[in-house]
C-alpha atoms as a PDB file:
ATOM      1  CA  MET A   1     200.815 194.658  29.086  1.00  0.00           C
ATOM      2  CA  ARG A   2     200.383 191.932  26.422  1.00  0.00           C
ATOM      3  CA  ILE A   3     197.769 194.213  24.717  1.00  0.00           C
ATOM      4  CA  LEU A   4     200.487 197.052  24.390  1.00  0.00           C
ATOM      5  CA  PHE A   5     202.907 194.562  22.899  1.00  0.00           C
ATOM      6  CA  TYR A   6     200.317 193.607  20.292  1.00  0.00           C
ATOM      7  CA  LEU A   7     199.508 197.335  19.655  1.00  0.00           C
ATOM      8  CA  GLY A   8     203.213 197.870  19.119  1.00  0.00           C
ATOM      9  CA  TRP A   9     203.465 195.228  16.476  1.00  0.00           C
ATOM     10  CA  ALA A  10     200.141 196.748  14.825  1.00  0.00           C
ATOM     11  CA  PHE A  11     202.081 200.124  14.795  1.00  0.00           C
ATOM     12  CA  LEU A  12     205.104 198.313  13.202  1.00  0.00           C
ATOM     13  CA  ILE A  13     202.874 196.801  10.456  1.00  0.00           C
ATOM     14  CA  LEU A  14     201.432 200.188   9.910  1.00  0.00           C
ATOM     15  CA  ALA A  15     204.896 201.729   9.591  1.00  0.00           C
ATOM     16  CA  PHE A  16     205.784 199.194   6.916  1.00  0.00           C
ATOM     17  CA  ALA A  17     202.555 199.835   5.234  1.00  0.00           C
ATOM     18  CA  ALA A  18     203.167 203.639   5.383  1.00  0.00           C
ATOM     19  CA  GLY A  19     206.479 203.082   4.003  1.00  0.00           C
ATOM     20  CA  ALA A  20     205.273 201.181   1.045  1.00  0.00           C
ATOM     21  CA  ALA A  21     202.265 203.742   0.507  1.00  0.00           C
ATOM     22  CA  GLU A  22     205.038 206.526  -0.073  1.00  0.00           C
ATOM     23  CA  SER A  23     204.752 205.613  -3.692  1.00  0.00           C
ATOM     24  CA  ILE A  24     201.250 207.151  -3.924  1.00  0.00           C
ATOM     25  CA  PRO A  25     202.013 210.822  -3.453  1.00  0.00           C
ATOM     26  CA  ARG A  26     205.127 210.211  -5.505  1.00  0.00           C
ATOM     27  CA  ALA A  27     202.908 209.687  -8.567  1.00  0.00           C
ATOM     28  CA  LEU A  28     201.254 213.040  -8.026  1.00  0.00           C
ATOM     29  CA  PRO A  29     202.828 216.079  -9.750  1.00  0.00           C
ATOM     30  CA  GLY A  30     205.138 218.313  -7.744  1.00  0.00           C
ATOM     31  CA  ASP A  31     206.892 215.450  -6.005  1.00  0.00           C
ATOM     32  CA  GLU A  32     210.057 216.970  -4.277  1.00  0.00           C
ATOM     33  CA  GLY A  33     212.178 215.720  -1.292  1.00  0.00           C
ATOM     34  CA  LEU A  34     213.601 212.764   0.054  1.00  0.00           C
ATOM     35  CA  PHE A  35     210.682 211.519   1.832  1.00  0.00           C
ATOM     36  CA  VAL A  36     206.820 212.074   1.733  1.00  0.00           C
ATOM     37  CA  SER A  37     205.311 213.938   5.053  1.00  0.00           C
ATOM     38  CA  ALA A  38     202.416 212.155   6.938  1.00  0.00           C
ATOM     39  CA  TYR A  39     200.290 214.963   5.859  1.00  0.00           C
ATOM     40  CA  ASP A  40     200.851 214.452   2.103  1.00  0.00           C
ATOM     41  CA  LEU A  41     200.557 210.725   2.558  1.00  0.00           C
ATOM     42  CA  TRP A  42     197.233 211.128   4.429  1.00  0.00           C
ATOM     43  CA  TYR A  43     195.964 213.825   1.649  1.00  0.00           C
ATOM     44  CA  ALA A  44     196.797 211.431  -1.212  1.00  0.00           C
ATOM     45  CA  ALA A  45     195.116 208.393   0.458  1.00  0.00           C
ATOM     46  CA  LYS A  46     191.954 209.807   2.031  1.00  0.00           C
ATOM     47  CA  PRO A  47     191.664 213.594   1.625  1.00  0.00           C
ATOM     48  CA  GLY A  48     188.225 213.611   2.932  1.00  0.00           C
ATOM     49  CA  SER A  49     189.089 212.315   6.308  1.00  0.00           C
ATOM     50  CA  LEU A  50     192.068 214.626   6.713  1.00  0.00           C
ATOM     51  CA  VAL A  51     189.564 217.645   6.011  1.00  0.00           C
ATOM     52  CA  VAL A  52     187.184 216.220   8.702  1.00  0.00           C
ATOM     53  CA  ALA A  53     189.948 215.713  11.177  1.00  0.00           C
ATOM     54  CA  GLN A  54     191.156 219.181  10.813  1.00  0.00           C
ATOM     55  CA  ILE A  55     187.729 220.575  11.185  1.00  0.00           C
ATOM     56  CA  ARG A  56     187.063 218.548  14.411  1.00  0.00           C
ATOM     57  CA  VAL A  57     190.490 219.529  16.121  1.00  0.00           C
ATOM     58  CA  GLU A  58     190.020 223.191  15.138  1.00  0.00           C
ATOM     59  CA  ARG A  59     186.783 223.020  16.835  1.00  0.00           C
ATOM     60  CA  ILE A  60     188.408 221.907  20.057  1.00  0.00           C
ATOM     61  CA  SER A  61     191.378 224.368  19.869  1.00  0.00           C
ATOM     62  CA  PRO A  62     192.549 226.234  16.640  1.00  0.00           C
ATOM     63  CA  ALA A  63     196.058 226.466  18.155  1.00  0.00           C
ATOM     64  CA  LEU A  64     196.239 222.631  18.549  1.00  0.00           C
ATOM     65  CA  TRP A  65     196.094 221.984  14.858  1.00  0.00           C
ATOM     66  CA  ASN A  66     198.354 224.555  13.285  1.00  0.00           C
ATOM     67  CA  PRO A  67     201.509 224.521  15.381  1.00  0.00           C
ATOM     68  CA  VAL A  68     201.184 221.132  17.080  1.00  0.00           C
ATOM     69  CA  ILE A  69     199.579 218.625  14.720  1.00  0.00           C
ATOM     70  CA  VAL A  70     200.799 220.101  11.474  1.00  0.00           C
ATOM     71  CA  SER A  71     204.486 219.962  12.737  1.00  0.00           C
ATOM     72  CA  VAL A  72     203.918 216.309  13.792  1.00  0.00           C
ATOM     73  CA  LEU A  73     202.337 215.392  10.296  1.00  0.00           C
ATOM     74  CA  ALA A  74     205.436 217.024   8.728  1.00  0.00           C
ATOM     75  CA  LEU A  75     207.571 213.895   9.725  1.00  0.00           C
ATOM     76  CA  PRO A  76     207.398 210.879   7.413  1.00  0.00           C
ATOM     77  CA  GLY A  77     204.274 208.649   7.961  1.00  0.00           C
ATOM     78  CA  TRP A  78     206.315 205.623   8.599  1.00  0.00           C
ATOM     79  CA  LEU A  79     208.369 207.448  11.287  1.00  0.00           C
ATOM     80  CA  LEU A  80     205.177 208.234  13.120  1.00  0.00           C
ATOM     81  CA  PHE A  81     204.311 204.593  13.373  1.00  0.00           C
ATOM     82  CA  LEU A  82     207.698 203.183  13.731  1.00  0.00           C
ATOM     83  CA  VAL A  83     208.938 205.011  16.943  1.00  0.00           C
ATOM     84  CA  PRO A  84     205.931 204.071  19.190  1.00  0.00           C
ATOM     85  CA  GLY A  85     205.897 200.539  17.740  1.00  0.00           C
ATOM     86  CA  ILE A  86     209.393 199.942  18.546  1.00  0.00           C
ATOM     87  CA  GLY A  87     208.848 201.480  22.115  1.00  0.00           C
ATOM     88  CA  LEU A  88     205.878 199.334  22.729  1.00  0.00           C
ATOM     89  CA  THR A  89     207.219 196.143  21.560  1.00  0.00           C
ATOM     90  CA  TRP A  90     210.468 196.513  23.344  1.00  0.00           C
ATOM     91  CA  PHE A  91     209.146 197.764  26.638  1.00  0.00           C
ATOM     92  CA  CYS A  92     206.008 195.801  26.809  1.00  0.00           C
ATOM     93  CA  ARG A  93     207.218 192.277  25.752  1.00  0.00           C
ATOM     94  CA  PRO A  94     205.927 189.493  27.501  1.00  0.00           C
ATOM     95  CA  ASN A  95     208.410 187.364  29.670  1.00  0.00           C
ATOM     96  CA  ARG A  96     210.859 190.322  29.996  1.00  0.00           C
ATOM     97  CA  GLU A  97     211.972 189.237  33.213  1.00  0.00           C
ATOM     98  CA  MET A  98     213.513 185.785  33.302  1.00  0.00           C
ATOM     99  CA  SER A  99     212.252 183.401  35.872  1.00  0.00           C
ATOM    100  CA  ASP A 100     214.548 181.209  38.070  1.00  0.00           C
ATOM    101  CA  GLU A 101     213.402 178.064  36.057  1.00  0.00           C
ATOM    102  CA  VAL A 102     214.347 179.587  32.753  1.00  0.00           C
ATOM    103  CA  ARG A 103     217.587 180.925  34.105  1.00  0.00           C
ATOM    104  CA  GLU A 104     218.459 177.342  35.384  1.00  0.00           C
ATOM    105  CA  GLY A 105     217.761 175.806  31.936  1.00  0.00           C
ATOM    106  CA  LEU A 106     219.685 178.308  30.266  1.00  0.00           C
ATOM    107  CA  LYS A 107     222.694 177.733  32.567  1.00  0.00           C
ATOM    108  CA  PHE A 108     222.375 173.918  32.021  1.00  0.00           C
ATOM    109  CA  GLN A 109     222.473 174.549  28.265  1.00  0.00           C
ATOM    110  CA  GLU A 110     225.534 176.671  28.482  1.00  0.00           C
ATOM    111  CA  GLU A 111     227.357 173.960  30.443  1.00  0.00           C
ATOM    112  CA  SER A 112     226.392 171.359  28.210  1.00  0.00           C
ATOM    113  CA  PHE A 113     227.792 173.407  25.216  1.00  0.00           C
ATOM    114  CA  LEU A 114     230.934 173.923  26.914  1.00  0.00           C
ATOM    115  CA  LEU A 115     231.442 170.413  28.358  1.00  0.00           C
ATOM    116  CA  PHE A 116     233.789 169.279  25.583  1.00  0.00           C
ATOM    117  CA  ASP A 117     236.188 172.327  26.080  1.00  0.00           C
ATOM    118  CA  ARG A 118     236.148 171.766  29.811  1.00  0.00           C
ATOM    119  CA  LEU A 119     237.013 168.141  29.418  1.00  0.00           C
ATOM    120  CA  ALA A 120     239.719 168.835  26.856  1.00  0.00           C
ATOM    121  CA  ARG A 121     241.249 171.277  29.248  1.00  0.00           C
ATOM    122  CA  GLU A 122     241.265 168.920  32.227  1.00  0.00           C
ATOM    123  CA  ALA A 123     242.818 166.256  30.041  1.00  0.00           C
ATOM    124  CA  GLU A 124     245.698 168.515  28.923  1.00  0.00           C
ATOM    125  CA  GLU A 125     246.193 169.560  32.710  1.00  0.00           C
ATOM    126  CA  ALA A 126     246.275 165.924  33.694  1.00  0.00           C
ATOM    127  CA  GLY A 127     249.141 165.277  31.144  1.00  0.00           C
ATOM    128  CA  HIS A 128     247.384 163.417  28.539  1.00  0.00           C
ATOM    129  CA  GLY A 129     248.796 164.247  25.031  1.00  0.00           C
ATOM    130  CA  ASP A 130     251.882 166.372  24.295  1.00  0.00           C
ATOM    131  CA  GLY A 131     249.933 169.059  22.339  1.00  0.00           C
ATOM    132  CA  SER A 132     251.275 168.100  19.160  1.00  0.00           C
ATOM    133  CA  TYR A 133     248.370 165.940  17.954  1.00  0.00           C
ATOM    134  CA  ASP A 134     245.085 167.397  17.839  1.00  0.00           C
ATOM    135  CA  ASP A 135     242.255 165.031  17.137  1.00  0.00           C
ATOM    136  CA  ARG A 136     239.885 167.616  16.538  1.00  0.00           C
ATOM    137  CA  ARG A 137     241.823 168.844  13.537  1.00  0.00           C
ATOM    138  CA  PRO A 138     241.302 167.182  10.239  1.00  0.00           C
ATOM    139  CA  ASP A 139     244.075 165.016   8.695  1.00  0.00           C
ATOM    140  CA  HIS A 140     244.724 165.799   5.125  1.00  0.00           C
ATOM    141  CA  GLY A 141     247.761 163.295   4.796  1.00  0.00           C
ATOM    142  CA  GLY A 142     247.841 161.027   1.942  1.00  0.00           C
ATOM    143  CA  HIS A 143     246.174 163.555  -0.466  1.00  0.00           C
ATOM    144  CA  ASP A 144     249.378 164.451  -2.192  1.00  0.00           C
ATOM    145  CA  LEU A 145     248.683 163.558  -5.969  1.00  0.00           C
ATOM    146  CA  ILE A 146     251.238 166.019  -7.226  1.00  0.00           C
ATOM    147  CA  ASN A 147     255.038 164.986  -6.840  1.00  0.00           C
ATOM    148  CA  ALA A 148     257.919 167.246  -6.747  1.00  0.00           C
ATOM    149  CA  ASP A 149     258.379 167.558 -10.530  1.00  0.00           C
ATOM    150  CA  GLY A 150     254.778 168.714 -10.886  1.00  0.00           C
ATOM    151  CA  ASP A 151     253.555 165.576 -12.626  1.00  0.00           C
ATOM    152  CA  MET A 152     250.345 163.850 -11.306  1.00  0.00           C
ATOM    153  CA  HIS A 153     250.830 160.282  -9.965  1.00  0.00           C
ATOM    154  CA  PRO A 154     248.095 157.887  -9.499  1.00  0.00           C
ATOM    155  CA  PRO A 155     247.058 156.856  -5.966  1.00  0.00           C
ATOM    156  CA  ALA A 156     248.654 153.683  -4.458  1.00  0.00           C
ATOM    157  CA  ALA A 157     247.241 150.529  -5.766  1.00  0.00           C
ATOM    158  CA  GLU A 158     246.064 149.595  -2.310  1.00  0.00           C
ATOM    159  CA  THR A 159     243.908 152.656  -1.944  1.00  0.00           C
ATOM    160  CA  THR A 160     241.971 152.042  -5.102  1.00  0.00           C
ATOM    161  CA  PRO A 161     238.835 149.995  -4.505  1.00  0.00           C
ATOM    162  CA  GLU A 162     238.513 146.808  -6.420  1.00  0.00           C
ATOM    163  CA  LYS A 163     235.467 145.934  -8.417  1.00  0.00           C
ATOM    164  CA  ASN A 164     233.567 142.896  -7.008  1.00  0.00           C
ATOM    165  CA  GLU A 165     232.326 140.978 -10.056  1.00  0.00           C
ATOM    166  CA  GLY A 166     229.620 138.658  -9.457  1.00  0.00           C
END
């Protein structure tokens, strides 16, 4: 199963390379369309191997090349690698089923994340605090530097730090 997972990642890397390689046929004259077919991409990259593949497939069955493989190669090259790559990496991923030990660890982490909220709710239910003061909310009092006339007034003398001369 793990080998199929790695094969899926190889397909995803090939899909990225095929998408990047679409610049090769676009440099050739007669470029039209939104995407480059896998046939054109293969022909631009290695035309000899395309001809050899066509000869070998037609030797097995001529009907296999023309309606089947030609219609598949009409799709974009990146799509031909992307779809099986996503399928293999998703369905063959390791640790797909969660073990009981992992599930208990995740449950413990979830409980520790929600501990503060649970304790705050229990404190409110017990009657601690009247709800008007929330110690989790920042206090911005004492930062009023502009008075009602719109003039700036300096902070109070007791809030300014004194220099320690030594």
